[in-house]
N, C-alpha and C. Protein backbone atom coordinates (compact mmCIF):
# COMPACT_ATOMS: atom_id res chain seq x y z
N MET A 1 -22.47 -51.61 -1.20
CA MET A 1 -22.88 -50.64 -2.04
C MET A 1 -22.33 -49.28 -2.20
N LYS A 2 -21.88 -49.03 -3.51
CA LYS A 2 -20.91 -47.71 -3.60
C LYS A 2 -21.89 -46.39 -3.50
N LYS A 3 -21.77 -45.42 -3.05
CA LYS A 3 -22.38 -44.11 -3.17
C LYS A 3 -22.00 -43.33 -4.00
N SER A 4 -22.75 -42.79 -5.23
CA SER A 4 -22.63 -42.43 -6.43
C SER A 4 -22.39 -40.64 -5.99
N THR A 5 -21.42 -40.18 -6.75
CA THR A 5 -21.40 -38.56 -6.59
C THR A 5 -21.86 -38.17 -7.93
N SER A 6 -22.52 -37.03 -8.13
CA SER A 6 -22.69 -36.32 -9.23
C SER A 6 -21.49 -35.42 -9.78
N PRO A 7 -21.12 -35.17 -10.93
CA PRO A 7 -20.18 -34.57 -11.54
C PRO A 7 -19.83 -33.01 -10.68
N SER A 8 -20.75 -32.69 -10.65
CA SER A 8 -20.39 -31.17 -9.93
C SER A 8 -20.09 -31.37 -8.49
N GLN A 9 -20.35 -32.52 -7.66
CA GLN A 9 -19.86 -32.27 -6.60
C GLN A 9 -18.38 -33.09 -6.28
N SER A 10 -18.24 -33.81 -7.35
CA SER A 10 -16.34 -34.12 -7.48
C SER A 10 -15.94 -32.84 -7.94
N ARG A 11 -16.49 -31.87 -8.65
CA ARG A 11 -15.55 -31.13 -9.58
C ARG A 11 -15.68 -29.77 -8.25
N ARG A 12 -16.58 -29.72 -7.33
CA ARG A 12 -16.41 -28.71 -6.16
C ARG A 12 -15.26 -29.12 -4.97
N SER A 13 -15.44 -30.80 -4.75
CA SER A 13 -14.76 -30.90 -3.77
C SER A 13 -13.11 -30.61 -4.58
N GLY A 14 -12.95 -31.14 -5.70
CA GLY A 14 -11.27 -30.97 -6.19
C GLY A 14 -10.93 -29.98 -6.64
N SER A 15 -11.83 -28.38 -6.46
CA SER A 15 -11.34 -27.08 -6.62
C SER A 15 -11.58 -26.24 -5.18
N PHE A 16 -12.06 -27.28 -4.29
CA PHE A 16 -11.32 -26.63 -2.98
C PHE A 16 -10.49 -26.52 -2.54
N PRO A 17 -9.20 -27.18 -2.79
CA PRO A 17 -7.81 -26.97 -2.33
C PRO A 17 -7.09 -26.05 -3.57
N ILE A 18 -7.43 -25.79 -4.69
CA ILE A 18 -7.19 -24.87 -5.76
C ILE A 18 -7.23 -23.18 -5.04
N PHE A 19 -8.88 -23.39 -4.66
CA PHE A 19 -8.94 -21.87 -3.83
C PHE A 19 -8.14 -21.69 -2.44
N TRP A 20 -7.83 -22.30 -1.97
CA TRP A 20 -7.22 -22.20 -0.79
C TRP A 20 -5.51 -22.33 -1.20
N VAL A 21 -5.26 -22.36 -1.98
CA VAL A 21 -3.85 -22.19 -2.72
C VAL A 21 -3.46 -21.14 -3.34
N LEU A 22 -4.65 -20.61 -3.76
CA LEU A 22 -4.65 -19.13 -4.40
C LEU A 22 -4.64 -18.25 -3.59
N ILE A 23 -5.60 -18.48 -2.34
CA ILE A 23 -5.46 -17.32 -1.31
C ILE A 23 -4.06 -17.72 -0.76
N VAL A 24 -3.43 -18.47 -0.42
CA VAL A 24 -2.16 -18.44 0.23
C VAL A 24 -1.11 -17.74 -0.57
N VAL A 25 -1.08 -18.15 -1.89
CA VAL A 25 -0.23 -17.59 -3.00
C VAL A 25 -0.40 -16.11 -3.21
N GLY A 26 -1.80 -15.78 -2.85
CA GLY A 26 -1.93 -14.12 -3.01
C GLY A 26 -1.65 -13.12 -1.85
N CYS A 27 -1.82 -14.09 -0.55
CA CYS A 27 -0.98 -13.51 0.85
C CYS A 27 0.52 -13.48 0.63
N VAL A 28 1.01 -14.67 0.45
CA VAL A 28 2.58 -14.61 0.47
C VAL A 28 2.87 -13.12 -0.85
N PHE A 29 2.11 -13.18 -1.70
CA PHE A 29 2.49 -12.34 -2.88
C PHE A 29 2.35 -10.91 -2.22
N LEU A 30 1.35 -10.50 -1.78
CA LEU A 30 1.29 -9.16 -0.68
C LEU A 30 2.24 -9.05 0.40
N ALA A 31 2.71 -9.93 0.96
CA ALA A 31 3.24 -9.78 2.25
C ALA A 31 5.00 -9.44 1.31
N ILE A 32 5.69 -10.15 0.42
CA ILE A 32 6.37 -10.26 0.02
C ILE A 32 6.66 -8.57 -0.50
N THR A 33 5.65 -8.23 -1.31
CA THR A 33 5.47 -6.68 -1.79
C THR A 33 5.01 -5.68 -1.26
N ASN A 34 4.72 -5.95 0.18
CA ASN A 34 4.46 -5.32 1.32
C ASN A 34 5.65 -3.67 1.08
N PRO A 35 5.42 -2.81 0.70
CA PRO A 35 6.39 -1.71 0.77
C PRO A 35 6.90 -1.16 1.95
N ASP A 36 8.25 -0.73 2.41
CA ASP A 36 8.67 -0.61 3.59
C ASP A 36 8.98 0.97 3.55
N GLU A 37 9.71 1.52 4.83
CA GLU A 37 9.55 2.86 4.90
C GLU A 37 10.37 3.42 3.85
N GLU A 38 11.37 2.93 3.50
CA GLU A 38 12.38 3.49 2.30
C GLU A 38 12.13 3.75 0.98
N SER A 39 10.73 2.68 0.87
CA SER A 39 10.35 3.16 -0.24
C SER A 39 8.94 4.18 -0.56
N PHE A 40 8.30 4.30 0.79
CA PHE A 40 7.70 5.03 1.03
C PHE A 40 8.38 6.86 1.16
N LYS A 41 9.55 6.99 1.53
CA LYS A 41 10.11 8.15 1.73
C LYS A 41 10.83 8.41 -0.09
N THR A 42 11.19 7.40 -0.44
CA THR A 42 11.24 7.72 -2.05
C THR A 42 9.83 8.03 -2.85
N PHE A 43 8.82 7.37 -2.57
CA PHE A 43 7.57 7.90 -3.15
C PHE A 43 7.31 9.34 -2.82
N THR A 44 7.57 9.88 -1.52
CA THR A 44 7.20 10.89 -1.04
C THR A 44 8.02 12.08 -1.70
N LYS A 45 8.78 11.57 -1.79
CA LYS A 45 10.14 12.65 -2.56
C LYS A 45 9.57 12.85 -3.89
N ASN A 46 9.38 11.86 -4.56
CA ASN A 46 9.05 12.15 -5.92
C ASN A 46 7.51 12.58 -6.41
N SER A 47 6.65 12.22 -5.49
CA SER A 47 5.02 12.14 -5.74
C SER A 47 4.49 13.41 -5.25
N ILE A 48 4.78 13.69 -3.87
CA ILE A 48 4.24 14.89 -3.42
C ILE A 48 4.41 16.12 -4.11
N PRO A 49 5.71 16.52 -4.07
CA PRO A 49 6.10 17.85 -4.79
C PRO A 49 5.06 18.05 -6.19
N SER A 50 4.79 17.03 -7.00
CA SER A 50 4.11 17.13 -8.54
C SER A 50 2.57 17.26 -7.72
N GLU A 51 1.94 16.64 -6.91
CA GLU A 51 0.48 16.82 -6.45
C GLU A 51 0.22 18.04 -5.73
N LEU A 52 1.13 18.61 -5.19
CA LEU A 52 1.28 19.90 -4.70
C LEU A 52 1.24 21.51 -5.99
N ASN A 53 1.88 20.60 -6.87
CA ASN A 53 1.77 21.42 -8.05
C ASN A 53 0.97 21.86 -8.70
N GLN A 54 0.04 20.89 -8.60
CA GLN A 54 -0.86 20.89 -9.24
C GLN A 54 -2.11 21.82 -9.30
N GLY A 55 -1.91 22.50 -8.39
CA GLY A 55 -3.18 23.50 -7.76
C GLY A 55 -2.98 24.01 -6.27
N ALA A 56 -2.04 23.42 -5.83
CA ALA A 56 -2.18 24.01 -4.50
C ALA A 56 -0.99 25.04 -4.67
N ASP A 57 -1.11 25.66 -3.47
CA ASP A 57 -0.04 27.25 -3.41
C ASP A 57 1.36 27.13 -3.81
N ALA A 58 2.06 27.81 -4.24
CA ALA A 58 3.23 27.64 -4.62
C ALA A 58 4.16 27.98 -3.59
N GLU A 59 3.68 28.64 -2.40
CA GLU A 59 4.64 29.02 -1.42
C GLU A 59 4.71 27.82 -0.19
N LEU A 60 3.71 26.98 -0.15
CA LEU A 60 3.54 25.84 0.63
C LEU A 60 4.74 24.77 -0.46
N LEU A 61 4.92 24.73 -1.75
CA LEU A 61 5.36 23.76 -2.43
C LEU A 61 6.98 24.05 -2.35
N GLU A 62 7.07 25.60 -2.32
CA GLU A 62 8.46 26.27 -1.94
C GLU A 62 9.17 25.86 -0.68
N THR A 63 8.43 25.89 0.36
CA THR A 63 8.61 25.84 1.70
C THR A 63 9.22 24.25 1.75
N LEU A 64 8.13 23.43 1.36
CA LEU A 64 8.20 21.90 1.44
C LEU A 64 10.02 21.48 0.68
N LEU A 65 10.15 21.85 -0.47
CA LEU A 65 11.39 21.63 -1.33
C LEU A 65 12.35 22.76 -0.74
N GLY A 66 12.25 23.89 0.21
CA GLY A 66 13.46 24.17 0.53
C GLY A 66 13.74 23.53 1.65
N LYS A 67 12.97 22.56 2.71
CA LYS A 67 13.28 22.18 3.59
C LYS A 67 14.06 20.81 3.42
N GLY A 68 13.14 20.31 2.45
CA GLY A 68 13.96 18.64 1.92
C GLY A 68 12.77 18.23 2.22
N LEU A 69 12.09 17.47 1.25
CA LEU A 69 10.88 16.71 1.38
C LEU A 69 10.92 15.25 2.34
N ALA A 70 12.21 14.78 2.04
CA ALA A 70 12.72 13.65 2.79
C ALA A 70 12.87 13.64 4.04
N LEU A 71 13.41 14.85 4.47
CA LEU A 71 13.81 15.08 6.06
C LEU A 71 12.26 15.63 6.72
N VAL A 72 11.52 16.15 6.32
CA VAL A 72 10.47 16.47 6.61
C VAL A 72 9.32 15.09 7.04
N SER A 73 9.22 14.43 5.73
CA SER A 73 8.54 13.16 5.49
C SER A 73 9.13 12.55 6.67
N ASN A 74 10.48 12.22 6.78
CA ASN A 74 11.07 11.26 8.05
C ASN A 74 10.62 11.70 9.32
N LEU A 75 10.26 13.47 9.84
CA LEU A 75 10.09 13.51 11.01
C LEU A 75 8.86 13.37 11.59
N THR A 76 7.78 13.59 10.20
CA THR A 76 6.47 13.69 10.40
C THR A 76 5.32 12.52 10.19
N SER A 77 5.91 11.24 9.72
CA SER A 77 5.47 10.29 9.27
C SER A 77 5.47 9.12 10.12
N TYR A 78 4.60 7.99 10.23
CA TYR A 78 4.84 7.05 10.64
C TYR A 78 4.15 5.77 10.01
N ARG A 79 4.56 4.80 9.90
CA ARG A 79 3.89 3.46 9.29
C ARG A 79 3.55 2.61 10.45
N GLU A 80 2.10 1.80 9.66
CA GLU A 80 1.69 0.96 10.64
C GLU A 80 1.43 -0.54 9.67
N ASN A 81 2.17 -1.48 10.20
CA ASN A 81 2.55 -2.58 9.14
C ASN A 81 1.46 -3.55 9.50
N ARG A 82 0.94 -4.09 8.50
CA ARG A 82 -0.46 -4.73 8.90
C ARG A 82 0.02 -6.09 7.80
N PHE A 83 1.21 -6.40 7.86
CA PHE A 83 1.57 -7.65 7.18
C PHE A 83 1.78 -7.90 5.52
N LEU A 84 0.64 -7.96 5.38
CA LEU A 84 -0.12 -7.90 4.19
C LEU A 84 -0.42 -6.26 3.13
N PHE A 85 -0.34 -5.73 4.07
CA PHE A 85 -0.11 -4.37 3.63
C PHE A 85 0.31 -3.10 4.84
N SER A 86 0.61 -1.81 4.15
CA SER A 86 1.02 -0.89 5.52
C SER A 86 0.10 0.23 4.98
N GLN A 87 -0.27 0.95 6.68
CA GLN A 87 -0.76 2.00 6.32
C GLN A 87 0.29 3.26 6.74
N TYR A 88 0.15 4.37 5.92
CA TYR A 88 1.43 5.04 6.15
C TYR A 88 0.34 6.50 6.64
N HIS A 89 0.88 7.56 7.69
CA HIS A 89 0.40 8.48 8.06
C HIS A 89 1.36 9.74 7.77
N ILE A 90 1.23 10.93 7.00
CA ILE A 90 2.46 11.54 7.20
C ILE A 90 1.67 13.30 7.07
N ASN A 91 2.11 14.02 8.01
CA ASN A 91 1.95 15.30 7.87
C ASN A 91 2.68 16.43 6.99
N VAL A 92 1.92 17.05 5.96
CA VAL A 92 2.76 17.67 4.74
C VAL A 92 2.16 19.29 4.88
N ALA A 93 2.86 20.08 5.68
CA ALA A 93 2.73 21.36 6.25
C ALA A 93 1.67 21.41 6.92
N GLY A 94 1.49 20.62 7.88
CA GLY A 94 0.26 20.61 8.98
C GLY A 94 -0.70 20.15 8.21
N THR A 95 -0.94 19.22 7.40
CA THR A 95 -1.88 18.61 6.40
C THR A 95 -1.92 17.35 6.61
N PRO A 96 -2.77 16.59 7.45
CA PRO A 96 -2.31 15.12 7.67
C PRO A 96 -3.18 14.22 6.26
N ARG A 97 -2.33 13.37 6.02
CA ARG A 97 -2.72 12.45 4.76
C ARG A 97 -2.07 10.82 5.13
N GLN A 98 -2.94 10.23 4.51
CA GLN A 98 -2.95 8.68 4.65
C GLN A 98 -2.70 8.00 3.30
N TYR A 99 -1.69 7.09 3.18
CA TYR A 99 -1.48 6.57 2.56
C TYR A 99 -1.67 4.56 2.51
N LEU A 100 -2.30 3.83 1.36
CA LEU A 100 -2.28 2.59 1.72
C LEU A 100 -0.99 1.89 1.10
N GLY A 101 0.03 1.19 1.60
CA GLY A 101 1.14 0.71 0.56
C GLY A 101 0.53 -0.85 0.53
N ILE A 102 0.58 -1.10 -0.82
CA ILE A 102 0.09 -2.63 -0.85
C ILE A 102 0.97 -3.00 -2.29
N ALA A 103 1.02 -4.09 -2.48
CA ALA A 103 2.14 -4.28 -3.63
C ALA A 103 2.81 -3.65 -4.30
N GLY A 104 3.64 -3.21 -3.77
CA GLY A 104 4.67 -2.25 -4.14
C GLY A 104 3.99 -0.81 -4.25
N GLN A 105 3.11 -0.74 -4.42
CA GLN A 105 2.28 0.82 -4.67
C GLN A 105 1.75 1.46 -3.52
N PHE A 106 1.53 2.90 -3.78
CA PHE A 106 1.13 3.85 -2.46
C PHE A 106 -0.02 4.45 -3.31
N ILE A 107 -1.38 4.03 -2.30
CA ILE A 107 -2.07 4.77 -2.67
C ILE A 107 -3.24 5.62 -1.48
N ARG A 108 -3.48 7.00 -2.09
CA ARG A 108 -3.47 8.13 -1.08
C ARG A 108 -4.94 7.44 -0.95
N ILE A 109 -5.61 7.42 0.85
CA ILE A 109 -6.41 6.81 0.95
C ILE A 109 -7.28 7.79 2.01
N ASP A 110 -7.02 9.35 2.20
CA ASP A 110 -7.87 10.23 2.93
C ASP A 110 -8.57 11.17 1.98
């Protein structure tokens, strides 16, 4: 005697591997696009001066640009690599900031 299965049960069992394939593909994508320290240095060099210029005091901006933001960033930042993403900690003129590096992008999280 054959055991019959309903169409919804067979559909669910068929989609189960697809779900895991999508999870694996997503993890591989995130691991490959996890930004490195060089990308973060480029990001800080290009974006932090514009962030500071949008309302922060001009003296702080002038100090950062005068010393070279890449050098300041290199000396006061560190990276926590989490394989699928990275967390970056940086001190900008004594103010701590945190960024999440994921899928080739940086998101400020503090």
